[in-house]
Amino acid sequence: MTIVRWGLTSLLVSALVLGWSVWLLPQGMPRHVGATVAVLLWLFILWFFRNPRRQPKGGPRTLISSADGVVADITEVDEPEFIGGKAVRIGIFLSVFDVHVNRAPCPATVRYARYQPGRFLDARHPDATHHNESNTLGLEADSSVDTGLRLLLRQISGYIARRIVCVHGVGDPLTRGELFGMIRFGSRTELYVPLSHPHDLLVQVGDRVRCGETALVEMTGEVA
C-alpha cells in the first residue's frame, strides 16, 4: 500500500500543526496525553490518503468501480450534458473511512471536463448530485469495450469533503484502473452508462464496492 501524492502536503502541514499544538499545551497538562492524541490524529490523516493496490475484476468489456464505498442508488435518468440521452446512474457513497482515490472504469479518452462550484450538502442528500461542488469527466471508451460508448463520471463533494482533485483533462488517455483523482473526507462518485448500449448491471443498491477492482457493469453489445 502506498500514500497518494496529493496527501503529502496535508501530512506535512498536519504534523507541524499537531506538533506545535502539543508544544503549546499549558503548564501542568500531561504532554504525553496530548502527544498520543496528536499521533492518533496524524495516523488517521495518513490512513485517509492510503492508495492500496487493486486488481480489476472481469474482462476487457467490464466497467470497474471508480470509488470505494456503498452503492447508494441505481437510477435511470436523462443525461444531456455529454451522453445526450437516457442513462443509468450508479451512485456510490464514500464515508470518511473509505479509500478516497478515484480510478478509471475502462480504457478511455477524456472528451469533456467541467468543474462546478457549489454547496456541501451531505453526499447522501438527494440534491447533492445537482447542487454540490463537483467535477465531471466525459469519457469515450476504447473500441474494445464497446463501439462509440460514451460514459460520464462525476466526483461530488460532501458535507465534510471540501476539495476535489482531478489531474486529467480533455484529450488525456486513461487506462483501466488508472488513478485520476480523489475527493477528500466523505463524498459521492457517480457513473453514467447510456441505455442505448446494451449492458448488464453487476451490482445492486447496498453492495459494497472497491475502487479499481469491483465489476459494476458488463457491456454486452456488438463490438465492431
Protein backbone atom coordinates (compact mmCIF):
# COMPACT_ATOMS: atom_id res chain seq x y z
CA MET A 1 0.00 0.00 0.00
CA THR A 2 1.23 3.49 -0.84
CA ILE A 3 0.21 7.03 0.09
CA VAL A 4 -1.35 9.09 -2.69
CA ARG A 5 0.85 12.02 -3.70
CA TRP A 6 -1.92 14.60 -3.19
CA GLY A 7 -1.80 13.93 0.54
CA LEU A 8 1.87 14.71 1.14
CA THR A 9 1.37 18.43 1.77
CA SER A 10 -1.54 17.75 4.13
CA LEU A 11 0.53 15.21 6.04
CA LEU A 12 3.43 17.62 6.46
CA VAL A 13 1.24 20.56 7.49
CA SER A 14 -0.82 18.45 9.92
CA ALA A 15 2.35 17.06 11.51
CA LEU A 16 3.69 20.59 12.08
CA VAL A 17 0.36 21.89 13.43
CA LEU A 18 -0.20 18.94 15.76
CA GLY A 19 3.39 19.04 16.99
CA TRP A 20 3.13 22.79 17.65
CA SER A 21 -0.17 22.28 19.48
CA VAL A 22 1.42 19.76 21.85
CA TRP A 23 4.35 22.13 22.45
CA LEU A 24 1.92 24.93 23.38
CA LEU A 25 -0.01 22.91 25.97
CA PRO A 26 -0.36 24.87 29.25
CA GLN A 27 1.93 24.08 32.18
CA GLY A 28 0.64 21.22 34.28
CA MET A 29 -1.17 19.43 31.47
CA PRO A 30 0.25 15.97 30.71
CA ARG A 31 2.15 16.33 27.45
CA HIS A 32 2.22 12.59 26.86
CA VAL A 33 -1.60 12.58 26.59
CA GLY A 34 -1.55 15.44 24.10
CA ALA A 35 1.23 13.75 22.14
CA THR A 36 -0.74 10.49 22.00
CA VAL A 37 -3.86 12.27 20.72
CA ALA A 38 -1.77 14.17 18.15
CA VAL A 39 -0.14 10.97 16.87
CA LEU A 40 -3.50 9.21 16.58
CA LEU A 41 -4.96 12.14 14.63
CA TRP A 42 -1.96 12.21 12.31
CA LEU A 43 -2.19 8.44 11.75
CA PHE A 44 -5.86 8.86 10.78
CA ILE A 45 -4.89 11.51 8.21
CA LEU A 46 -2.13 9.22 6.92
CA TRP A 47 -4.63 6.34 6.66
CA PHE A 48 -7.11 8.54 4.79
CA PHE A 49 -4.59 9.13 1.99
CA ARG A 50 -3.86 5.43 1.51
CA ASN A 51 -3.72 4.11 -2.05
CA PRO A 52 -3.95 0.29 -1.94
CA ARG A 53 -3.07 -1.85 -4.92
CA ARG A 54 -6.13 -3.28 -6.67
CA GLN A 55 -6.60 -5.96 -9.32
CA PRO A 56 -9.52 -5.24 -11.70
CA LYS A 57 -12.19 -7.94 -11.91
CA GLY A 58 -13.83 -9.15 -15.11
CA GLY A 59 -12.71 -8.92 -18.70
CA PRO A 60 -11.90 -6.09 -21.14
CA ARG A 61 -15.60 -5.14 -21.53
CA THR A 62 -16.21 -4.87 -17.79
CA LEU A 63 -16.57 -1.41 -16.24
CA ILE A 64 -14.99 -1.39 -12.80
CA SER A 65 -15.79 0.84 -9.84
CA SER A 66 -14.19 4.29 -9.72
CA ALA A 67 -14.57 4.52 -5.94
CA ASP A 68 -14.66 2.59 -2.70
CA GLY A 69 -17.95 2.73 -0.81
CA VAL A 70 -21.55 1.55 -0.88
CA VAL A 71 -23.88 1.63 -3.89
CA ALA A 72 -26.42 4.22 -2.72
CA ASP A 73 -28.72 4.25 -5.76
CA ILE A 74 -29.13 2.93 -9.29
CA THR A 75 -31.44 5.18 -11.30
CA GLU A 76 -32.46 5.76 -14.92
CA VAL A 77 -32.00 9.46 -15.77
CA ASP A 78 -31.72 11.87 -18.68
CA GLU A 79 -28.08 12.81 -19.25
CA PRO A 80 -27.91 15.71 -21.75
CA GLU A 81 -24.51 17.02 -20.70
CA PHE A 82 -22.30 14.50 -22.53
CA ILE A 83 -24.13 11.25 -23.27
CA GLY A 84 -27.11 13.05 -24.80
CA GLY A 85 -29.89 10.67 -23.82
CA LYS A 86 -31.18 8.17 -21.28
CA ALA A 87 -28.62 6.58 -18.97
CA VAL A 88 -28.40 4.50 -15.84
CA ARG A 89 -26.69 6.31 -12.97
CA ILE A 90 -24.79 4.29 -10.38
CA GLY A 91 -24.18 6.41 -7.28
CA ILE A 92 -21.53 5.34 -4.75
CA PHE A 93 -21.34 6.92 -1.30
CA LEU A 94 -17.93 7.17 0.37
CA SER A 95 -17.68 7.58 4.15
CA VAL A 96 -14.65 9.11 5.86
CA PHE A 97 -13.36 5.58 6.45
CA ASP A 98 -13.27 4.55 2.79
CA VAL A 99 -10.34 4.84 0.38
CA HIS A 100 -10.91 8.14 -1.43
CA VAL A 101 -8.87 7.83 -4.61
CA ASN A 102 -10.74 7.53 -7.94
CA ARG A 103 -9.82 5.22 -10.83
CA ALA A 104 -10.93 4.92 -14.46
CA PRO A 105 -13.65 2.31 -15.14
CA CYS A 106 -12.17 1.23 -18.50
CA PRO A 107 -9.62 2.31 -21.12
CA ALA A 108 -10.89 5.61 -22.47
CA THR A 109 -10.06 9.13 -23.61
CA VAL A 110 -11.32 12.22 -21.79
CA ARG A 111 -13.52 14.17 -24.24
CA TYR A 112 -15.25 16.53 -21.82
CA ALA A 113 -14.44 18.08 -18.44
CA ARG A 114 -16.31 20.54 -16.24
CA TYR A 115 -15.78 21.76 -12.70
CA GLN A 116 -18.85 23.13 -10.91
CA PRO A 117 -18.56 25.12 -7.66
CA GLY A 118 -21.45 24.56 -5.29
CA ARG A 119 -22.74 23.63 -1.87
CA PHE A 120 -21.53 20.96 0.56
CA LEU A 121 -24.68 19.03 1.38
CA ASP A 122 -24.33 15.55 2.86
CA ALA A 123 -23.37 13.35 -0.10
CA ARG A 124 -26.41 11.14 0.64
CA HIS A 125 -28.80 14.07 0.23
CA PRO A 126 -30.97 13.74 -2.92
CA ASP A 127 -29.98 17.26 -4.05
CA ALA A 128 -26.24 16.63 -3.73
CA THR A 129 -25.91 15.50 -7.37
CA HIS A 130 -27.18 18.83 -8.71
CA HIS A 131 -26.17 21.38 -6.06
CA ASN A 132 -22.86 20.27 -4.53
CA GLU A 133 -19.37 21.12 -5.74
CA SER A 134 -18.50 18.56 -8.42
CA ASN A 135 -16.13 17.63 -11.20
CA THR A 136 -17.42 15.87 -14.31
CA LEU A 137 -15.48 13.88 -16.90
CA GLY A 138 -16.96 12.67 -20.20
CA LEU A 139 -15.15 9.55 -21.40
CA GLU A 140 -15.05 7.98 -24.84
CA ALA A 141 -14.41 4.31 -24.16
CA ASP A 142 -11.90 2.35 -26.19
CA SER A 143 -13.49 0.44 -29.09
CA SER A 144 -12.51 -2.83 -27.41
CA VAL A 145 -15.07 -2.05 -24.68
CA ASP A 146 -17.99 -1.02 -26.92
CA THR A 147 -18.12 0.88 -30.20
CA GLY A 148 -18.97 4.55 -29.71
CA LEU A 149 -19.57 4.16 -25.96
CA ARG A 150 -19.73 7.42 -24.02
CA LEU A 151 -19.56 7.37 -20.21
CA LEU A 152 -19.89 10.15 -17.71
CA LEU A 153 -18.03 10.18 -14.38
CA ARG A 154 -18.83 12.66 -11.64
CA GLN A 155 -16.93 13.39 -8.42
CA ILE A 156 -19.17 15.11 -5.87
CA SER A 157 -18.07 16.73 -2.62
CA GLY A 158 -19.90 16.03 0.64
CA TYR A 159 -20.58 17.74 3.94
CA ILE A 160 -17.03 17.14 5.17
CA ALA A 161 -15.25 16.90 1.83
CA ARG A 162 -14.02 20.32 0.73
CA ARG A 163 -11.67 19.56 -2.11
CA ILE A 164 -11.93 17.55 -5.30
CA VAL A 165 -8.72 16.52 -7.05
CA CYS A 166 -8.70 15.61 -10.76
CA VAL A 167 -5.42 15.56 -12.68
CA HIS A 168 -6.74 14.71 -16.15
CA GLY A 169 -8.43 16.88 -18.76
CA VAL A 170 -9.74 16.84 -22.31
CA GLY A 171 -7.60 14.75 -24.64
CA ASP A 172 -5.93 12.68 -21.93
CA PRO A 173 -5.97 8.88 -22.33
CA LEU A 174 -6.84 6.68 -19.33
CA THR A 175 -6.06 3.03 -18.84
CA ARG A 176 -8.40 0.67 -16.98
CA GLY A 177 -7.98 1.26 -13.26
CA GLU A 178 -5.72 4.29 -13.72
CA LEU A 179 -5.69 6.80 -10.87
CA PHE A 180 -7.22 10.12 -11.98
CA GLY A 181 -8.08 11.93 -8.73
CA MET A 182 -9.63 11.80 -5.29
CA ILE A 183 -12.20 13.50 -3.05
CA ARG A 184 -11.21 14.39 0.48
CA PHE A 185 -13.17 13.26 3.56
CA GLY A 186 -16.58 11.82 2.64
CA SER A 187 -18.19 12.19 -0.78
CA ARG A 188 -20.02 10.60 -3.72
CA THR A 189 -18.95 9.27 -7.11
CA GLU A 190 -21.32 8.58 -10.00
CA LEU A 191 -21.00 6.57 -13.21
CA TYR A 192 -23.50 7.11 -16.06
CA VAL A 193 -23.90 4.38 -18.69
CA PRO A 194 -26.11 5.05 -21.77
CA LEU A 195 -29.19 2.85 -22.11
CA SER A 196 -28.63 2.82 -25.88
CA HIS A 197 -25.66 0.47 -25.32
CA PRO A 198 -26.70 -3.00 -24.10
CA HIS A 199 -25.21 -3.91 -20.74
CA ASP A 200 -25.74 -5.97 -17.62
CA LEU A 201 -25.62 -4.44 -14.14
CA LEU A 202 -23.43 -6.50 -11.82
CA VAL A 203 -24.22 -4.67 -8.55
CA GLN A 204 -27.32 -3.62 -6.64
CA VAL A 205 -28.16 -0.97 -4.05
CA GLY A 206 -26.45 -1.71 -0.75
CA ASP A 207 -23.46 -3.55 -2.24
CA ARG A 208 -20.02 -2.56 -1.02
CA VAL A 209 -17.60 -1.90 -3.87
CA ARG A 210 -13.85 -1.40 -4.14
CA CYS A 211 -12.18 1.21 -6.32
CA GLY A 212 -10.27 -0.21 -9.27
CA GLU A 213 -11.47 -3.74 -8.53
CA THR A 214 -15.24 -4.38 -8.29
CA ALA A 215 -17.07 -5.10 -11.56
CA LEU A 216 -20.05 -2.72 -11.90
CA VAL A 217 -21.26 -3.22 -15.47
CA GLU A 218 -20.66 -5.69 -18.30
CA MET A 219 -21.11 -4.28 -21.80
CA THR A 220 -22.93 -6.82 -23.98
CA GLY A 221 -23.45 -5.11 -27.34
CA GLU A 222 -21.58 -5.98 -30.51
CA VAL A 223 -18.07 -4.65 -30.93
CA ALA A 224 -17.03 -3.57 -34.43
